[in-house]
Amino acid sequence: MPFIVDSVKRDLTAVVEWGRQKMQEGDYEKATQHFCMALDLRPGFLQALVSRGFCYLALGEEERAQRDFADVVQKDAGFNRNIYVLMSLSLKRTGDLHGAIRYLNRCLSLFPNFKPALLARGELCLKVQDFERARSDFRQVLQDEPVHLVARRGLADSLRGLGNFLEALRQYSRGISDTSQAMEHQLEQQDQGPEQEEPEEEKLQPEARDGSENDNGISALPETELPQDSPSKHSNEDSPHRQGDERAEAAEAEPRELRAFLVELLMRRALMLRLMGNLEAAGSDFLEVLELEPEDGLALFWYGKILIEQQRHQEAVVYLKASLDYHEPTRMAAHAILGALLMTASEPHFMQAQLHLKEAAQLAPASQAVRITLLICSAAVALSGKNRDRKKALSLLDRALAALEGEQREPEGSRTAHASLGHVA
């Protein structure tokens, strides 16, 4: 009998280890099969349930992941605090934000200072506009780690939601400063060459599988699609070349992540400054973004709008045209604004304006504002050049006038909807 028990234990250990190796390789389907085998050998085995739930989450099978995580919590609420964060991520993906927050509340009642749970709840509270609780969570993280970048950004976002713009601006600025210092530190480390490898036991421990304990906090769970599992000690020994490749990739990835994070903070501060009426400072931030990422279409678009608000229309045209190639969500608005700028310039370019307005109308066929502007521009085109067609121009202007009068006769709700569509143009 003892021999049979020992054999089952050996088989169970081997099966779980195979599953973990497949997880490391990113083969979550094969890993899931191994963990299912482990659960056949020992039903309710918590370690296998945690790992299988993780794999289901990686495969986009949120309902199965939730069943495994709920089973673990029911059997042992304190078995692994990361379970609550993974469960909240799964619920968030299925749109149950309040359910996700409830699991994080339960986690924090058991582990009050668990940073990934505080960050995850703070981010979710921002989404449900519970700005006061979000501010509290991010402040708690910053009390323990003042240079946590994700928490600093979250605090600024929550203050903006509460209407405290000046303090939000100060927090964005602090985040930008901390991120810039982190980037400089990274460059110094690269110049100095690779550091001596840490002892194996000092690396990420199994409980911190979410990747949220990094120094700068950028890899915190709320900002990533899926946390990374802790590395197996044997996997690195078996594949030294892969270990070197992974270190090189990580060394390259962190500066990229920091740069992307800095761009995001600069964009948020710039939009805040514009909202507060400081166009010069907002423009300076947008230009700094474009120095870091010259093809950032959103920065190109918003800097173009800043230039319009500063009455620098000719310069704005250059940036708005450039944004068309790099940011699809603002493409319709950029075409519409370009059309309006070109047809109202001191030396109008009606045909170019018409082309942009036609593009805008195709992208937003329900926008009355774009359609009416296109009709007026088309009338101007009919009156320009050698073959002027006054009758066509009058017909187009009549249609534009009828559309305007129709808008005035529409119920209040319909007018509001049309106004919202045409607002950005």
Protein backbone atom coordinates (compact mmCIF):
# COMPACT_ATOMS: atom_id res chain seq x y z
CA MET A 1 0.00 0.00 0.00
CA PRO A 2 2.75 2.58 0.83
CA PHE A 3 4.37 1.73 -2.51
CA ILE A 4 1.16 2.58 -4.40
CA VAL A 5 0.79 5.88 -2.50
CA ASP A 6 4.40 6.85 -3.24
CA SER A 7 3.89 5.97 -6.90
CA VAL A 8 0.81 8.22 -7.13
CA LYS A 9 2.73 11.05 -5.46
CA ARG A 10 5.59 10.66 -7.93
CA ASP A 11 3.18 10.61 -10.86
CA LEU A 12 1.32 13.65 -9.52
CA THR A 13 4.54 15.63 -9.05
CA ALA A 14 5.74 14.74 -12.55
CA VAL A 15 2.42 15.63 -14.18
CA VAL A 16 2.27 19.03 -12.42
CA GLU A 17 5.90 19.75 -13.36
CA TRP A 18 5.20 18.90 -17.01
CA GLY A 19 2.22 21.24 -16.91
CA ARG A 20 4.32 24.04 -15.48
CA GLN A 21 6.95 23.54 -18.18
CA LYS A 22 4.27 23.82 -20.85
CA MET A 23 3.04 27.02 -19.19
CA GLN A 24 6.58 28.42 -19.39
CA GLU A 25 6.65 27.56 -23.10
CA GLY A 26 3.30 29.29 -23.63
CA ASP A 27 1.57 26.05 -24.65
CA TYR A 28 -1.44 26.55 -22.41
CA GLU A 29 -3.59 23.89 -24.08
CA LYS A 30 -1.03 21.15 -23.37
CA ALA A 31 -0.48 22.55 -19.88
CA THR A 32 -4.23 22.36 -19.23
CA GLN A 33 -4.24 18.68 -20.21
CA HIS A 34 -1.50 17.95 -17.67
CA PHE A 35 -3.32 19.78 -14.87
CA CYS A 36 -6.53 17.91 -15.72
CA MET A 37 -4.55 14.66 -15.36
CA ALA A 38 -3.23 15.86 -12.01
CA LEU A 39 -6.78 16.55 -10.84
CA ASP A 40 -7.81 13.06 -11.96
CA LEU A 41 -5.04 11.67 -9.75
CA ARG A 42 -5.99 13.92 -6.83
CA PRO A 43 -9.40 15.63 -7.14
CA GLY A 44 -9.47 19.10 -5.61
CA PHE A 45 -5.65 19.48 -5.68
CA LEU A 46 -5.40 23.24 -5.14
CA GLN A 47 -2.07 23.82 -6.89
CA ALA A 48 -3.40 22.16 -10.06
CA LEU A 49 -6.66 24.14 -9.86
CA VAL A 50 -4.74 27.43 -9.61
CA SER A 51 -2.51 26.58 -12.55
CA ARG A 52 -5.35 25.24 -14.69
CA GLY A 53 -7.41 28.35 -14.00
CA PHE A 54 -4.43 30.46 -15.03
CA CYS A 55 -4.19 28.50 -18.30
CA TYR A 56 -7.92 28.87 -18.98
CA LEU A 57 -7.55 32.61 -18.45
CA ALA A 58 -4.63 32.72 -20.89
CA LEU A 59 -6.73 30.85 -23.47
CA GLY A 60 -9.63 33.28 -23.08
CA GLU A 61 -11.90 30.71 -21.38
CA GLU A 62 -12.96 33.01 -18.57
CA GLU A 63 -15.92 30.97 -17.30
CA ARG A 64 -13.79 27.85 -16.80
CA ALA A 65 -11.10 29.96 -15.12
CA GLN A 66 -13.69 31.44 -12.77
CA ARG A 67 -14.93 27.98 -11.76
CA ASP A 68 -11.40 26.85 -10.88
CA PHE A 69 -10.58 30.03 -8.96
CA ALA A 70 -13.91 29.93 -7.09
CA ASP A 71 -13.25 26.30 -6.18
CA VAL A 72 -9.86 27.24 -4.69
CA VAL A 73 -11.32 30.13 -2.69
CA GLN A 74 -14.13 27.91 -1.38
CA LYS A 75 -11.71 25.18 -0.27
CA ASP A 76 -9.07 27.48 1.25
CA ALA A 77 -9.67 31.25 1.18
CA GLY A 78 -6.06 31.99 2.12
CA PHE A 79 -4.31 29.44 -0.11
CA ASN A 80 -2.99 31.95 -2.66
CA ARG A 81 -3.76 35.67 -2.53
CA ASN A 82 -3.10 36.02 -6.28
CA ILE A 83 -6.23 33.97 -6.94
CA TYR A 84 -8.39 36.97 -6.09
CA VAL A 85 -6.53 39.21 -8.51
CA LEU A 86 -6.76 36.61 -11.28
CA MET A 87 -10.46 36.15 -10.54
CA SER A 88 -11.00 39.91 -10.75
CA LEU A 89 -9.20 40.00 -14.10
CA SER A 90 -11.42 37.20 -15.39
CA LEU A 91 -14.58 38.98 -14.20
CA LYS A 92 -13.35 42.26 -15.67
CA ARG A 93 -12.96 40.59 -19.07
CA THR A 94 -16.55 39.39 -18.95
CA GLY A 95 -17.74 42.90 -18.04
CA ASP A 96 -18.60 42.18 -14.39
CA LEU A 97 -16.63 45.08 -12.91
CA HIS A 98 -18.55 45.19 -9.64
CA GLY A 99 -18.10 41.43 -9.18
CA ALA A 100 -14.37 41.90 -9.75
CA ILE A 101 -14.29 44.62 -7.10
CA ARG A 102 -16.11 42.36 -4.62
CA TYR A 103 -13.42 39.68 -4.97
CA LEU A 104 -10.71 42.28 -4.45
CA ASN A 105 -12.54 43.56 -1.36
CA ARG A 106 -12.47 40.02 -0.01
CA CYS A 107 -8.77 39.69 -0.83
CA LEU A 108 -7.90 42.94 0.94
CA SER A 109 -9.91 41.94 4.00
CA LEU A 110 -7.53 38.96 4.29
CA PHE A 111 -4.36 40.67 3.00
CA PRO A 112 -4.80 44.42 3.67
CA ASN A 113 -1.47 45.53 2.18
CA PHE A 114 -1.41 43.30 -0.92
CA LYS A 115 -0.21 45.74 -3.55
CA PRO A 116 -1.53 44.02 -6.72
CA ALA A 117 -5.04 43.87 -5.22
CA LEU A 118 -4.92 47.56 -4.24
CA LEU A 119 -3.78 48.50 -7.74
CA ALA A 120 -6.37 46.28 -9.42
CA ARG A 121 -9.19 47.67 -7.25
CA GLY A 122 -7.98 51.22 -7.83
CA GLU A 123 -8.06 50.74 -11.61
CA LEU A 124 -11.51 49.15 -11.50
CA CYS A 125 -12.83 51.93 -9.26
CA LEU A 126 -11.67 54.43 -11.86
CA LYS A 127 -13.73 52.55 -14.45
CA VAL A 128 -16.88 52.63 -12.30
CA GLN A 129 -16.13 56.26 -11.33
CA ASP A 130 -15.64 55.56 -7.64
CA PHE A 131 -12.84 58.11 -7.60
CA GLU A 132 -12.66 58.48 -3.82
CA ARG A 133 -11.92 54.80 -3.23
CA ALA A 134 -9.51 54.75 -6.16
CA ARG A 135 -7.60 57.65 -4.65
CA SER A 136 -7.45 55.85 -1.31
CA ASP A 137 -6.07 52.64 -2.87
CA PHE A 138 -3.40 54.37 -4.93
CA ARG A 139 -2.34 56.49 -1.96
CA GLN A 140 -1.93 53.37 0.16
CA VAL A 141 0.43 51.89 -2.45
CA LEU A 142 2.40 55.15 -2.65
CA GLN A 143 2.80 55.34 1.12
CA ASP A 144 4.78 52.11 0.94
CA GLU A 145 6.44 52.79 -2.42
CA PRO A 146 6.52 56.51 -3.36
CA VAL A 147 8.02 55.90 -6.82
CA HIS A 148 5.42 53.34 -7.94
CA LEU A 149 4.62 54.69 -11.41
CA VAL A 150 1.27 52.96 -12.00
CA ALA A 151 0.00 54.08 -8.59
CA ARG A 152 1.16 57.64 -9.25
CA ARG A 153 -0.71 57.73 -12.54
CA GLY A 154 -3.78 56.20 -10.90
CA LEU A 155 -3.73 58.83 -8.15
CA ALA A 156 -3.58 61.58 -10.77
CA ASP A 157 -6.47 60.01 -12.70
CA SER A 158 -8.61 59.75 -9.56
CA LEU A 159 -7.91 63.38 -8.62
CA ARG A 160 -8.89 64.44 -12.12
CA GLY A 161 -12.13 62.50 -11.71
CA LEU A 162 -12.77 64.28 -8.41
CA GLY A 163 -12.29 67.64 -10.16
CA ASN A 164 -9.08 68.53 -8.33
CA PHE A 165 -7.24 69.53 -11.52
CA LEU A 166 -4.33 71.37 -9.92
CA GLU A 167 -3.40 68.44 -7.67
CA ALA A 168 -3.93 66.00 -10.57
CA LEU A 169 -1.55 68.09 -12.65
CA ARG A 170 1.03 67.98 -9.86
CA GLN A 171 0.75 64.18 -9.65
CA TYR A 172 1.10 63.76 -13.43
CA SER A 173 4.21 65.94 -13.28
CA ARG A 174 5.64 63.85 -10.44
CA GLY A 175 4.95 60.69 -12.45
CA ILE A 176 6.68 62.15 -15.51
CA SER A 177 9.71 63.10 -13.42
CA ASP A 178 9.92 59.64 -11.80
CA THR A 179 9.56 57.89 -15.16
CA SER A 180 12.27 60.04 -16.73
CA GLN A 181 14.61 59.21 -13.84
CA ALA A 182 13.84 55.51 -14.25
CA MET A 183 14.71 55.75 -17.95
CA GLU A 184 17.99 57.51 -17.15
CA HIS A 185 18.78 54.80 -14.60
CA GLN A 186 18.11 52.14 -17.23
CA LEU A 187 20.48 53.82 -19.68
CA GLU A 188 23.18 54.01 -17.01
CA GLN A 189 22.77 50.30 -16.28
CA GLN A 190 23.05 49.47 -19.97
CA ASP A 191 26.24 51.53 -20.25
CA GLN A 192 27.72 49.71 -17.25
CA GLY A 193 27.00 46.30 -18.77
CA PRO A 194 25.07 43.33 -17.37
CA GLU A 195 24.81 43.04 -13.62
CA GLN A 196 25.84 39.95 -11.71
CA GLU A 197 23.04 37.39 -11.72
CA GLU A 198 20.99 37.18 -8.55
CA PRO A 199 20.96 33.92 -6.60
CA GLU A 200 18.08 31.68 -7.64
CA GLU A 201 16.33 31.87 -4.30
CA GLU A 202 16.13 35.68 -4.48
CA LYS A 203 14.17 35.65 -7.72
CA LEU A 204 10.41 35.93 -8.01
CA GLN A 205 8.76 33.60 -5.56
CA PRO A 206 5.82 31.42 -6.60
CA GLU A 207 3.24 33.53 -4.77
CA ALA A 208 4.14 36.67 -6.74
CA ARG A 209 3.10 35.23 -10.08
CA ASP A 210 1.33 38.41 -11.16
CA GLY A 211 4.52 40.30 -12.02
CA SER A 212 3.35 43.27 -10.00
CA GLU A 213 6.28 43.49 -7.62
CA ASN A 214 8.62 45.13 -10.15
CA ASP A 215 10.49 48.17 -8.91
CA ASN A 216 8.70 50.69 -11.09
CA GLY A 217 5.28 49.06 -10.95
CA ILE A 218 4.68 49.22 -14.70
CA SER A 219 3.94 45.50 -14.96
CA ALA A 220 1.22 45.70 -12.35
CA LEU A 221 -1.66 43.37 -13.07
CA PRO A 222 -4.35 45.95 -13.85
CA GLU A 223 -2.31 47.16 -16.83
CA THR A 224 -1.49 43.77 -18.32
CA GLU A 225 -3.64 41.21 -20.02
CA LEU A 226 -2.24 38.30 -18.07
CA PRO A 227 0.34 37.95 -15.30
CA GLN A 228 3.42 35.86 -15.88
CA ASP A 229 3.92 32.70 -13.89
CA SER A 230 7.03 32.30 -11.80
CA PRO A 231 9.90 30.57 -13.60
CA SER A 232 10.70 26.97 -12.93
CA LYS A 233 14.17 26.45 -11.50
CA HIS A 234 14.79 23.52 -13.79
CA SER A 235 13.65 25.22 -17.00
CA ASN A 236 16.50 27.76 -16.89
CA GLU A 237 19.09 25.12 -16.15
CA ASP A 238 17.88 22.98 -19.03
CA SER A 239 17.97 25.85 -21.56
CA PRO A 240 20.85 28.29 -20.97
CA HIS A 241 20.56 29.78 -24.45
CA ARG A 242 16.90 30.54 -23.97
CA GLN A 243 17.72 32.05 -20.58
CA GLY A 244 20.19 34.44 -22.23
CA ASP A 245 17.68 35.33 -24.95
CA GLU A 246 14.98 36.02 -22.36
CA ARG A 247 17.33 38.29 -20.38
CA ALA A 248 18.19 40.23 -23.54
CA GLU A 249 14.50 40.58 -24.46
CA ALA A 250 13.66 41.76 -20.93
CA ALA A 251 16.50 44.30 -21.01
CA GLU A 252 15.12 45.72 -24.26
CA ALA A 253 11.48 45.54 -23.19
CA GLU A 254 11.77 47.57 -20.00
CA PRO A 255 13.11 50.75 -21.67
CA ARG A 256 10.35 50.43 -24.28
CA GLU A 257 7.74 50.06 -21.55
CA LEU A 258 9.11 53.06 -19.69
CA ARG A 259 9.10 55.17 -22.84
CA ALA A 260 5.51 54.15 -23.64
CA PHE A 261 4.49 54.94 -20.06
CA LEU A 262 6.16 58.37 -20.26
CA VAL A 263 4.31 59.07 -23.51
CA GLU A 264 1.01 58.17 -21.85
CA LEU A 265 1.66 60.45 -18.88
CA LEU A 266 2.69 63.34 -21.12
CA MET A 267 -0.50 62.90 -23.17
CA ARG A 268 -2.67 62.95 -20.04
CA ARG A 269 -0.94 66.03 -18.67
CA ALA A 270 -1.18 67.78 -22.04
CA LEU A 271 -4.93 67.17 -22.28
CA MET A 272 -5.34 68.38 -18.70
CA LEU A 273 -3.39 71.55 -19.47
CA ARG A 274 -5.53 72.17 -22.57
CA LEU A 275 -8.67 71.74 -20.47
CA MET A 276 -7.28 74.32 -18.04
CA GLY A 277 -6.57 76.74 -20.89
CA ASN A 278 -2.76 76.55 -20.83
CA LEU A 279 -2.32 75.93 -24.57
CA GLU A 280 1.40 76.73 -24.65
CA ALA A 281 2.29 74.17 -21.98
CA ALA A 282 -0.06 71.59 -23.54
CA GLY A 283 1.60 72.10 -26.91
CA SER A 284 5.01 71.67 -25.33
CA ASP A 285 3.96 68.29 -23.89
CA PHE A 286 2.56 67.13 -27.24
CA LEU A 287 5.82 68.08 -28.94
CA GLU A 288 7.77 66.14 -26.31
CA VAL A 289 5.61 63.11 -27.09
CA LEU A 290 6.40 63.52 -30.78
CA GLU A 291 10.11 63.66 -30.02
CA LEU A 292 9.77 60.29 -28.29
CA GLU A 293 7.31 58.80 -30.80
CA PRO A 294 7.24 60.79 -34.09
CA GLU A 295 4.45 58.59 -35.46
CA ASP A 296 2.08 58.94 -32.50
CA GLY A 297 -1.10 59.78 -34.42
CA LEU A 298 -3.08 60.89 -31.38
CA ALA A 299 -0.37 63.40 -30.39
CA LEU A 300 -0.22 64.66 -34.00
CA PHE A 301 -4.00 65.14 -34.00
CA TRP A 302 -4.19 66.95 -30.67
CA TYR A 303 -1.21 69.16 -31.41
CA GLY A 304 -2.96 70.13 -34.63
CA LYS A 305 -6.03 71.13 -32.60
CA ILE A 306 -3.85 73.13 -30.19
CA LEU A 307 -2.40 75.03 -33.15
CA ILE A 308 -5.92 75.82 -34.40
CA GLU A 309 -6.84 77.18 -30.96
CA GLN A 310 -3.69 79.32 -31.15
CA GLN A 311 -4.82 80.63 -34.60
CA ARG A 312 -1.87 78.89 -36.31
CA HIS A 313 -4.00 77.29 -38.99
CA GLN A 314 -1.37 76.66 -41.66
CA GLU A 315 0.86 74.78 -39.20
CA ALA A 316 -2.14 72.80 -37.97
CA VAL A 317 -2.81 71.42 -41.46
CA VAL A 318 0.60 69.71 -41.52
CA TYR A 319 0.04 67.86 -38.24
CA LEU A 320 -3.56 66.91 -38.97
CA LYS A 321 -2.56 65.45 -42.35
CA ALA A 322 0.21 63.46 -40.68
CA SER A 323 -2.22 62.08 -38.10
CA LEU A 324 -4.33 60.49 -40.84
CA ASP A 325 -1.73 57.77 -41.40
CA TYR A 326 -1.20 56.83 -37.77
CA HIS A 327 -4.45 57.00 -35.78
CA GLU A 328 -7.65 55.54 -37.16
CA PRO A 329 -10.02 56.60 -34.33
CA THR A 330 -9.45 60.32 -35.05
CA ARG A 331 -9.27 59.95 -38.84
CA MET A 332 -12.84 61.11 -39.48
CA ALA A 333 -12.42 64.15 -37.22
CA ALA A 334 -9.07 65.00 -38.83
CA HIS A 335 -10.58 64.86 -42.33
CA ALA A 336 -13.51 67.02 -41.22
CA ILE A 337 -11.29 69.62 -39.56
CA LEU A 338 -8.93 69.70 -42.55
CA GLY A 339 -11.89 70.25 -44.86
CA ALA A 340 -13.16 73.14 -42.73
CA LEU A 341 -9.66 74.70 -42.47
CA LEU A 342 -8.92 74.49 -46.20
CA MET A 343 -12.26 75.97 -47.27
CA THR A 344 -12.04 78.88 -44.81
CA ALA A 345 -8.37 79.73 -45.32
CA SER A 346 -7.36 83.21 -46.55
CA GLU A 347 -6.60 81.49 -49.86
CA PRO A 348 -9.20 78.69 -49.92
CA HIS A 349 -8.46 75.27 -51.44
CA PHE A 350 -12.01 74.12 -52.10
CA MET A 351 -11.18 70.99 -54.09
CA GLN A 352 -8.76 69.68 -51.44
CA ALA A 353 -11.29 70.56 -48.76
CA GLN A 354 -13.98 68.65 -50.68
CA LEU A 355 -11.79 65.53 -50.83
CA HIS A 356 -11.26 65.59 -47.06
CA LEU A 357 -14.94 66.18 -46.36
CA LYS A 358 -15.93 63.29 -48.64
CA GLU A 359 -13.59 61.03 -46.68
CA ALA A 360 -15.12 62.25 -43.42
CA ALA A 361 -18.64 61.65 -44.78
CA GLN A 362 -17.74 58.09 -45.75
CA LEU A 363 -16.30 57.40 -42.30
CA ALA A 364 -19.30 58.99 -40.51
CA PRO A 365 -22.32 58.84 -42.86
CA ALA A 366 -24.73 59.76 -40.04
CA SER A 367 -22.96 63.05 -39.23
CA GLN A 368 -25.20 65.92 -40.32
CA ALA A 369 -22.49 68.48 -39.54
CA VAL A 370 -20.07 66.82 -41.99
CA ARG A 371 -22.76 66.38 -44.65
CA ILE A 372 -23.87 70.01 -44.48
CA THR A 373 -20.29 71.29 -44.60
CA LEU A 374 -19.61 69.05 -47.60
CA LEU A 375 -22.65 70.46 -49.43
CA ILE A 376 -21.45 74.04 -48.81
CA CYS A 377 -17.91 73.16 -49.91
CA SER A 378 -19.22 71.39 -53.03
CA ALA A 379 -21.18 74.55 -53.90
CA ALA A 380 -17.95 76.55 -53.64
CA VAL A 381 -16.22 74.02 -55.93
CA ALA A 382 -19.08 74.40 -58.47
CA LEU A 383 -18.49 78.17 -58.49
CA SER A 384 -14.70 77.94 -58.86
CA GLY A 385 -12.66 77.38 -62.00
CA LYS A 386 -13.48 78.23 -65.58
CA ASN A 387 -16.76 76.28 -65.93
CA ARG A 388 -18.83 77.78 -63.15
CA ASP A 389 -22.11 76.03 -62.51
CA ARG A 390 -24.32 78.49 -60.63
CA LYS A 391 -27.40 76.29 -60.87
CA LYS A 392 -25.61 73.33 -59.27
CA ALA A 393 -24.18 75.58 -56.57
CA LEU A 394 -27.65 76.94 -55.73
CA SER A 395 -29.08 73.41 -55.62
CA LEU A 396 -26.34 72.29 -53.23
CA LEU A 397 -26.84 75.33 -51.01
CA ASP A 398 -30.62 74.73 -50.96
CA ARG A 399 -29.97 71.18 -49.78
CA ALA A 400 -27.60 72.46 -47.10
CA LEU A 401 -30.19 75.02 -45.95
CA ALA A 402 -32.95 72.39 -45.90
CA ALA A 403 -30.76 70.12 -43.78
CA LEU A 404 -30.07 72.97 -41.37
CA GLU A 405 -33.77 73.86 -41.12
CA GLY A 406 -34.60 70.18 -40.64
CA GLU A 407 -32.18 70.04 -37.71
CA GLN A 408 -33.91 73.03 -36.14
CA ARG A 409 -37.29 71.32 -36.40
CA GLU A 410 -36.05 68.02 -34.93
CA PRO A 411 -36.84 67.04 -31.33
CA GLU A 412 -34.30 68.07 -28.73
CA GLY A 413 -32.91 64.53 -28.36
CA SER A 414 -32.19 64.16 -32.09
CA ARG A 415 -30.48 67.55 -32.26
CA THR A 416 -28.29 66.59 -29.29
CA ALA A 417 -27.25 63.36 -31.01
CA HIS A 418 -26.32 65.18 -34.24
CA ALA A 419 -24.45 67.83 -32.29
CA SER A 420 -22.38 65.19 -30.51
CA LEU A 421 -21.45 63.61 -33.84
CA GLY A 422 -20.41 66.91 -35.34
CA HIS A 423 -18.80 68.43 -32.26
CA VAL A 424 -15.22 67.42 -32.97
CA ALA A 425 -15.42 68.71 -36.55
